[in-house]
Amino acid sequence: MLIAHALLKLLVFTLPGNAAFFESIGLPGWLGHVTFAAELVGGVLLILGLHARWVALALLPILLGATWAHGGNGWLFINTDGGWEYPLFLAAAAVQGLIGNGAYALSPAIFERRPG
């Protein structure tokens, strides 16, 4: 879902449009670019299961920020401009990610060099 939201920012809203949205809600425009990159890279890392705890922890402020940004639009995400219910759900999912890598995750250990 994070990758889908990053691609939405890139391909539909465009990065300058995303930056303008961030400015319209009182945040610096460059934060829109940081959010795009974090969603894209973080989504890929979560799919691969690489450092899932750290990635989930890093994404949590972004997801809580999205909850805040949509807070004035009502509860349901189907409301005009999207409500806060879905971003809050994603934040809760990130908290679940703090549990760590799953059984099928790529372990960072496979990238470590072994002696011999």
N, C-alpha and C. Protein backbone atom coordinates (compact mmCIF):
# COMPACT_ATOMS: atom_id res chain seq x y z
N MET A 1 0.83 -1.19 0.00
CA MET A 1 0.00 0.00 0.00
C MET A 1 0.87 1.25 0.00
N LEU A 2 1.99 1.18 0.69
CA LEU A 2 2.89 2.35 0.71
C LEU A 2 3.44 2.64 -0.68
N ILE A 3 3.78 1.60 -1.42
CA ILE A 3 4.29 1.79 -2.78
C ILE A 3 3.19 2.40 -3.65
N ALA A 4 1.97 1.93 -3.51
CA ALA A 4 0.85 2.47 -4.28
C ALA A 4 0.65 3.96 -3.99
N HIS A 5 0.75 4.34 -2.72
CA HIS A 5 0.60 5.75 -2.37
C HIS A 5 1.76 6.59 -2.89
N ALA A 6 2.96 6.03 -2.89
CA ALA A 6 4.10 6.75 -3.45
C ALA A 6 3.91 6.96 -4.95
N LEU A 7 3.47 5.92 -5.64
CA LEU A 7 3.24 6.05 -7.09
C LEU A 7 2.10 7.02 -7.39
N LEU A 8 1.10 7.07 -6.53
CA LEU A 8 0.02 8.04 -6.69
C LEU A 8 0.58 9.47 -6.62
N LYS A 9 1.48 9.69 -5.66
CA LYS A 9 2.10 11.00 -5.52
C LYS A 9 2.95 11.34 -6.75
N LEU A 10 3.61 10.35 -7.31
CA LEU A 10 4.50 10.57 -8.45
C LEU A 10 3.74 10.71 -9.76
N LEU A 11 2.83 9.78 -10.03
CA LEU A 11 2.22 9.68 -11.35
C LEU A 11 0.91 10.45 -11.51
N VAL A 12 0.17 10.64 -10.43
CA VAL A 12 -1.12 11.31 -10.53
C VAL A 12 -1.02 12.76 -10.03
N PHE A 13 -0.61 12.92 -8.78
CA PHE A 13 -0.53 14.27 -8.21
C PHE A 13 0.73 15.00 -8.67
N THR A 14 1.73 14.28 -9.08
CA THR A 14 3.09 14.74 -9.42
C THR A 14 3.79 15.23 -8.15
N LEU A 15 5.10 15.16 -8.18
CA LEU A 15 5.86 15.58 -6.99
C LEU A 15 5.69 17.07 -6.70
N PRO A 16 5.69 17.96 -7.71
CA PRO A 16 5.42 19.37 -7.40
C PRO A 16 4.00 19.57 -6.84
N GLY A 17 3.02 18.83 -7.36
CA GLY A 17 1.66 18.92 -6.85
C GLY A 17 1.58 18.42 -5.42
N ASN A 18 2.31 17.36 -5.12
CA ASN A 18 2.34 16.83 -3.76
C ASN A 18 2.97 17.85 -2.82
N ALA A 19 4.06 18.49 -3.27
CA ALA A 19 4.70 19.52 -2.44
C ALA A 19 3.74 20.68 -2.20
N ALA A 20 2.98 21.05 -3.22
CA ALA A 20 2.00 22.13 -3.07
C ALA A 20 0.92 21.75 -2.06
N PHE A 21 0.50 20.48 -2.07
CA PHE A 21 -0.49 20.03 -1.08
C PHE A 21 0.08 20.17 0.32
N PHE A 22 1.31 19.74 0.52
CA PHE A 22 1.93 19.84 1.84
C PHE A 22 1.96 21.30 2.29
N GLU A 23 2.30 22.21 1.38
CA GLU A 23 2.31 23.62 1.72
C GLU A 23 0.92 24.14 2.04
N SER A 24 -0.09 23.60 1.36
CA SER A 24 -1.47 24.06 1.59
C SER A 24 -1.99 23.69 2.97
N ILE A 25 -1.38 22.68 3.59
CA ILE A 25 -1.82 22.30 4.94
C ILE A 25 -0.82 22.78 6.00
N GLY A 26 0.09 23.69 5.58
CA GLY A 26 0.99 24.32 6.54
C GLY A 26 2.31 23.61 6.77
N LEU A 27 2.64 22.64 5.95
CA LEU A 27 3.91 21.92 6.08
C LEU A 27 4.86 22.38 4.98
N PRO A 28 6.17 22.23 5.19
CA PRO A 28 7.10 22.60 4.12
C PRO A 28 6.94 21.69 2.91
N GLY A 29 7.05 22.26 1.72
CA GLY A 29 6.86 21.49 0.50
C GLY A 29 7.85 20.35 0.35
N TRP A 30 9.09 20.55 0.79
CA TRP A 30 10.11 19.50 0.66
C TRP A 30 9.72 18.24 1.43
N LEU A 31 8.89 18.40 2.44
CA LEU A 31 8.46 17.24 3.21
C LEU A 31 7.62 16.29 2.35
N GLY A 32 6.96 16.83 1.33
CA GLY A 32 6.22 15.98 0.40
C GLY A 32 7.15 15.05 -0.37
N HIS A 33 8.34 15.55 -0.73
CA HIS A 33 9.31 14.72 -1.43
C HIS A 33 9.89 13.64 -0.49
N VAL A 34 10.14 14.02 0.74
CA VAL A 34 10.64 13.06 1.73
C VAL A 34 9.61 11.97 1.98
N THR A 35 8.35 12.37 2.06
CA THR A 35 7.27 11.40 2.27
C THR A 35 7.17 10.44 1.10
N PHE A 36 7.25 10.96 -0.11
CA PHE A 36 7.24 10.10 -1.31
C PHE A 36 8.36 9.07 -1.24
N ALA A 37 9.57 9.51 -0.97
CA ALA A 37 10.72 8.60 -0.93
C ALA A 37 10.59 7.57 0.19
N ALA A 38 10.13 8.02 1.35
CA ALA A 38 9.97 7.10 2.48
C ALA A 38 8.92 6.04 2.19
N GLU A 39 7.82 6.44 1.55
CA GLU A 39 6.78 5.46 1.22
C GLU A 39 7.28 4.45 0.19
N LEU A 40 8.00 4.93 -0.81
CA LEU A 40 8.49 4.03 -1.86
C LEU A 40 9.55 3.07 -1.32
N VAL A 41 10.58 3.61 -0.71
CA VAL A 41 11.68 2.77 -0.19
C VAL A 41 11.18 1.91 0.97
N GLY A 42 10.42 2.51 1.88
CA GLY A 42 9.89 1.75 3.02
C GLY A 42 8.99 0.62 2.59
N GLY A 43 8.14 0.86 1.59
CA GLY A 43 7.28 -0.20 1.08
C GLY A 43 8.06 -1.36 0.51
N VAL A 44 9.10 -1.05 -0.26
CA VAL A 44 9.94 -2.10 -0.83
C VAL A 44 10.64 -2.89 0.28
N LEU A 45 11.20 -2.19 1.25
CA LEU A 45 11.90 -2.87 2.34
C LEU A 45 10.96 -3.75 3.15
N LEU A 46 9.72 -3.29 3.36
CA LEU A 46 8.77 -4.12 4.10
C LEU A 46 8.39 -5.37 3.31
N ILE A 47 8.21 -5.23 2.00
CA ILE A 47 7.90 -6.40 1.19
C ILE A 47 9.03 -7.41 1.24
N LEU A 48 10.26 -6.92 1.20
CA LEU A 48 11.41 -7.82 1.25
C LEU A 48 11.68 -8.35 2.66
N GLY A 49 11.10 -7.70 3.65
CA GLY A 49 11.32 -8.13 5.03
C GLY A 49 12.69 -7.74 5.54
N LEU A 50 13.23 -6.65 5.03
CA LEU A 50 14.54 -6.18 5.48
C LEU A 50 14.38 -5.13 6.57
N HIS A 51 14.88 -5.42 7.73
CA HIS A 51 14.84 -4.49 8.87
C HIS A 51 13.42 -3.98 9.13
N ALA A 52 12.47 -4.89 9.15
CA ALA A 52 11.05 -4.52 9.25
C ALA A 52 10.76 -3.66 10.47
N ARG A 53 11.38 -3.96 11.59
CA ARG A 53 11.11 -3.15 12.79
C ARG A 53 11.52 -1.70 12.60
N TRP A 54 12.72 -1.49 12.07
CA TRP A 54 13.23 -0.14 11.89
C TRP A 54 12.43 0.60 10.82
N VAL A 55 12.06 -0.10 9.76
CA VAL A 55 11.29 0.52 8.69
C VAL A 55 9.91 0.92 9.21
N ALA A 56 9.27 0.03 9.94
CA ALA A 56 7.95 0.34 10.51
C ALA A 56 8.04 1.53 11.46
N LEU A 57 9.09 1.57 12.26
CA LEU A 57 9.27 2.67 13.20
C LEU A 57 9.49 3.99 12.44
N ALA A 58 10.27 3.95 11.36
CA ALA A 58 10.53 5.15 10.58
C ALA A 58 9.27 5.63 9.85
N LEU A 59 8.41 4.70 9.43
CA LEU A 59 7.20 5.07 8.70
C LEU A 59 6.06 5.52 9.61
N LEU A 60 6.12 5.17 10.86
CA LEU A 60 5.04 5.51 11.78
C LEU A 60 4.76 7.01 11.84
N PRO A 61 5.76 7.90 11.95
CA PRO A 61 5.43 9.34 11.95
C PRO A 61 4.77 9.80 10.65
N ILE A 62 5.15 9.21 9.53
CA ILE A 62 4.54 9.58 8.25
C ILE A 62 3.08 9.17 8.23
N LEU A 63 2.78 7.97 8.72
CA LEU A 63 1.40 7.49 8.74
C LEU A 63 0.54 8.27 9.74
N LEU A 64 1.12 8.62 10.87
CA LEU A 64 0.38 9.46 11.82
C LEU A 64 0.18 10.87 11.25
N GLY A 65 1.17 11.35 10.49
CA GLY A 65 1.02 12.64 9.81
C GLY A 65 -0.10 12.60 8.79
N ALA A 66 -0.21 11.49 8.07
CA ALA A 66 -1.31 11.34 7.10
C ALA A 66 -2.65 11.31 7.82
N THR A 67 -2.69 10.69 8.99
CA THR A 67 -3.91 10.68 9.79
C THR A 67 -4.29 12.11 10.17
N TRP A 68 -3.29 12.89 10.59
CA TRP A 68 -3.52 14.29 10.94
C TRP A 68 -3.99 15.09 9.72
N ALA A 69 -3.34 14.88 8.58
CA ALA A 69 -3.67 15.64 7.36
C ALA A 69 -5.10 15.39 6.91
N HIS A 70 -5.61 14.19 7.14
CA HIS A 70 -6.97 13.84 6.73
C HIS A 70 -7.97 14.00 7.87
N GLY A 71 -7.51 14.43 9.03
CA GLY A 71 -8.35 14.50 10.22
C GLY A 71 -9.59 15.36 10.08
N GLY A 72 -9.50 16.43 9.34
CA GLY A 72 -10.63 17.33 9.20
C GLY A 72 -11.65 16.89 8.17
N ASN A 73 -11.40 15.76 7.53
CA ASN A 73 -12.28 15.30 6.45
C ASN A 73 -13.30 14.27 6.91
N GLY A 74 -13.40 14.06 8.19
CA GLY A 74 -14.33 13.05 8.69
C GLY A 74 -13.64 11.71 8.87
N TRP A 75 -14.42 10.74 9.31
CA TRP A 75 -13.85 9.45 9.67
C TRP A 75 -13.54 8.59 8.46
N LEU A 76 -14.49 8.36 7.58
CA LEU A 76 -14.31 7.39 6.49
C LEU A 76 -13.45 7.94 5.36
N PHE A 77 -12.60 7.10 4.83
CA PHE A 77 -11.70 7.52 3.77
C PHE A 77 -12.44 7.77 2.46
N ILE A 78 -13.69 7.32 2.35
CA ILE A 78 -14.47 7.57 1.14
C ILE A 78 -15.05 8.99 1.13
N ASN A 79 -14.90 9.72 2.23
CA ASN A 79 -15.36 11.10 2.28
C ASN A 79 -14.55 11.96 1.31
N THR A 80 -15.07 13.12 0.99
CA THR A 80 -14.34 14.05 0.14
C THR A 80 -12.96 14.33 0.75
N ASP A 81 -11.92 14.22 -0.06
CA ASP A 81 -10.53 14.41 0.34
C ASP A 81 -10.05 13.35 1.33
N GLY A 82 -10.79 12.30 1.52
CA GLY A 82 -10.37 11.16 2.35
C GLY A 82 -10.40 11.47 3.83
N GLY A 83 -10.98 10.59 4.60
CA GLY A 83 -11.04 10.73 6.05
C GLY A 83 -9.81 10.14 6.72
N TRP A 84 -9.85 10.09 8.02
CA TRP A 84 -8.67 9.67 8.78
C TRP A 84 -8.65 8.18 9.13
N GLU A 85 -9.71 7.46 8.83
CA GLU A 85 -9.82 6.05 9.25
C GLU A 85 -8.75 5.17 8.59
N TYR A 86 -8.52 5.31 7.30
CA TYR A 86 -7.56 4.44 6.62
C TYR A 86 -6.11 4.77 6.99
N PRO A 87 -5.71 6.05 7.03
CA PRO A 87 -4.35 6.32 7.49
C PRO A 87 -4.09 5.82 8.92
N LEU A 88 -5.10 5.90 9.77
CA LEU A 88 -4.92 5.38 11.12
C LEU A 88 -4.77 3.86 11.10
N PHE A 89 -5.51 3.19 10.23
CA PHE A 89 -5.36 1.75 10.07
C PHE A 89 -3.93 1.41 9.64
N LEU A 90 -3.39 2.16 8.67
CA LEU A 90 -2.02 1.90 8.23
C LEU A 90 -1.01 2.15 9.34
N ALA A 91 -1.26 3.17 10.17
CA ALA A 91 -0.38 3.41 11.31
C ALA A 91 -0.43 2.23 12.29
N ALA A 92 -1.62 1.69 12.52
CA ALA A 92 -1.75 0.51 13.39
C ALA A 92 -1.02 -0.69 12.78
N ALA A 93 -1.07 -0.81 11.46
CA ALA A 93 -0.35 -1.90 10.80
C ALA A 93 1.15 -1.72 10.97
N ALA A 94 1.62 -0.48 10.94
CA ALA A 94 3.05 -0.23 11.16
C ALA A 94 3.46 -0.62 12.57
N VAL A 95 2.57 -0.38 13.54
CA VAL A 95 2.86 -0.80 14.91
C VAL A 95 3.01 -2.32 14.94
N GLN A 96 2.17 -3.03 14.19
CA GLN A 96 2.30 -4.49 14.10
C GLN A 96 3.65 -4.87 13.50
N GLY A 97 4.14 -4.03 12.58
CA GLY A 97 5.44 -4.29 11.97
C GLY A 97 6.58 -4.21 12.96
N LEU A 98 6.35 -3.56 14.10
CA LEU A 98 7.39 -3.49 15.12
C LEU A 98 7.68 -4.86 15.73
N ILE A 99 6.79 -5.82 15.46
CA ILE A 99 7.01 -7.19 15.93
C ILE A 99 8.26 -7.77 15.27
N GLY A 100 8.51 -7.37 14.03
CA GLY A 100 9.72 -7.81 13.35
C GLY A 100 9.45 -8.59 12.08
N ASN A 101 10.53 -9.14 11.53
CA ASN A 101 10.46 -9.89 10.29
C ASN A 101 9.66 -11.17 10.46
N GLY A 102 8.96 -11.55 9.40
CA GLY A 102 8.21 -12.79 9.41
C GLY A 102 9.09 -13.97 9.03
N ALA A 103 8.50 -15.13 9.00
CA ALA A 103 9.24 -16.37 8.74
C ALA A 103 9.83 -16.40 7.33
N TYR A 104 9.24 -15.70 6.39
CA TYR A 104 9.72 -15.74 5.00
C TYR A 104 10.50 -14.49 4.60
N ALA A 105 10.86 -13.67 5.56
CA ALA A 105 11.58 -12.44 5.27
C ALA A 105 13.02 -12.73 4.85
N LEU A 106 13.54 -11.87 4.00
CA LEU A 106 14.96 -11.95 3.69
C LEU A 106 15.70 -11.43 4.91
N SER A 107 16.53 -12.23 5.47
CA SER A 107 17.26 -11.83 6.66
C SER A 107 18.47 -10.99 6.27
N PRO A 108 18.73 -9.92 7.01
CA PRO A 108 19.94 -9.16 6.73
C PRO A 108 21.20 -10.02 6.85
N ALA A 109 21.09 -11.11 7.58
CA ALA A 109 22.24 -12.00 7.74
C ALA A 109 22.69 -12.61 6.43
N ILE A 110 21.80 -12.76 5.45
CA ILE A 110 22.22 -13.36 4.18
C ILE A 110 23.14 -12.44 3.41
N PHE A 111 23.17 -11.15 3.79
CA PHE A 111 24.03 -10.21 3.12
C PHE A 111 25.37 -10.06 3.81
N GLU A 112 25.49 -10.64 4.99
CA GLU A 112 26.76 -10.55 5.72
C GLU A 112 27.77 -11.51 5.14
N ARG A 113 28.99 -11.10 5.14
CA ARG A 113 30.06 -11.94 4.65
C ARG A 113 30.47 -12.93 5.73
N ARG A 114 30.55 -14.18 5.35
CA ARG A 114 30.91 -15.23 6.30
C ARG A 114 32.33 -15.68 6.06
N PRO A 115 33.07 -15.89 7.12
CA PRO A 115 34.46 -16.34 6.96
C PRO A 115 34.52 -17.74 6.37
N GLY A 116 35.58 -17.99 5.60
CA GLY A 116 35.83 -19.33 5.14
C GLY A 116 35.50 -19.53 3.77
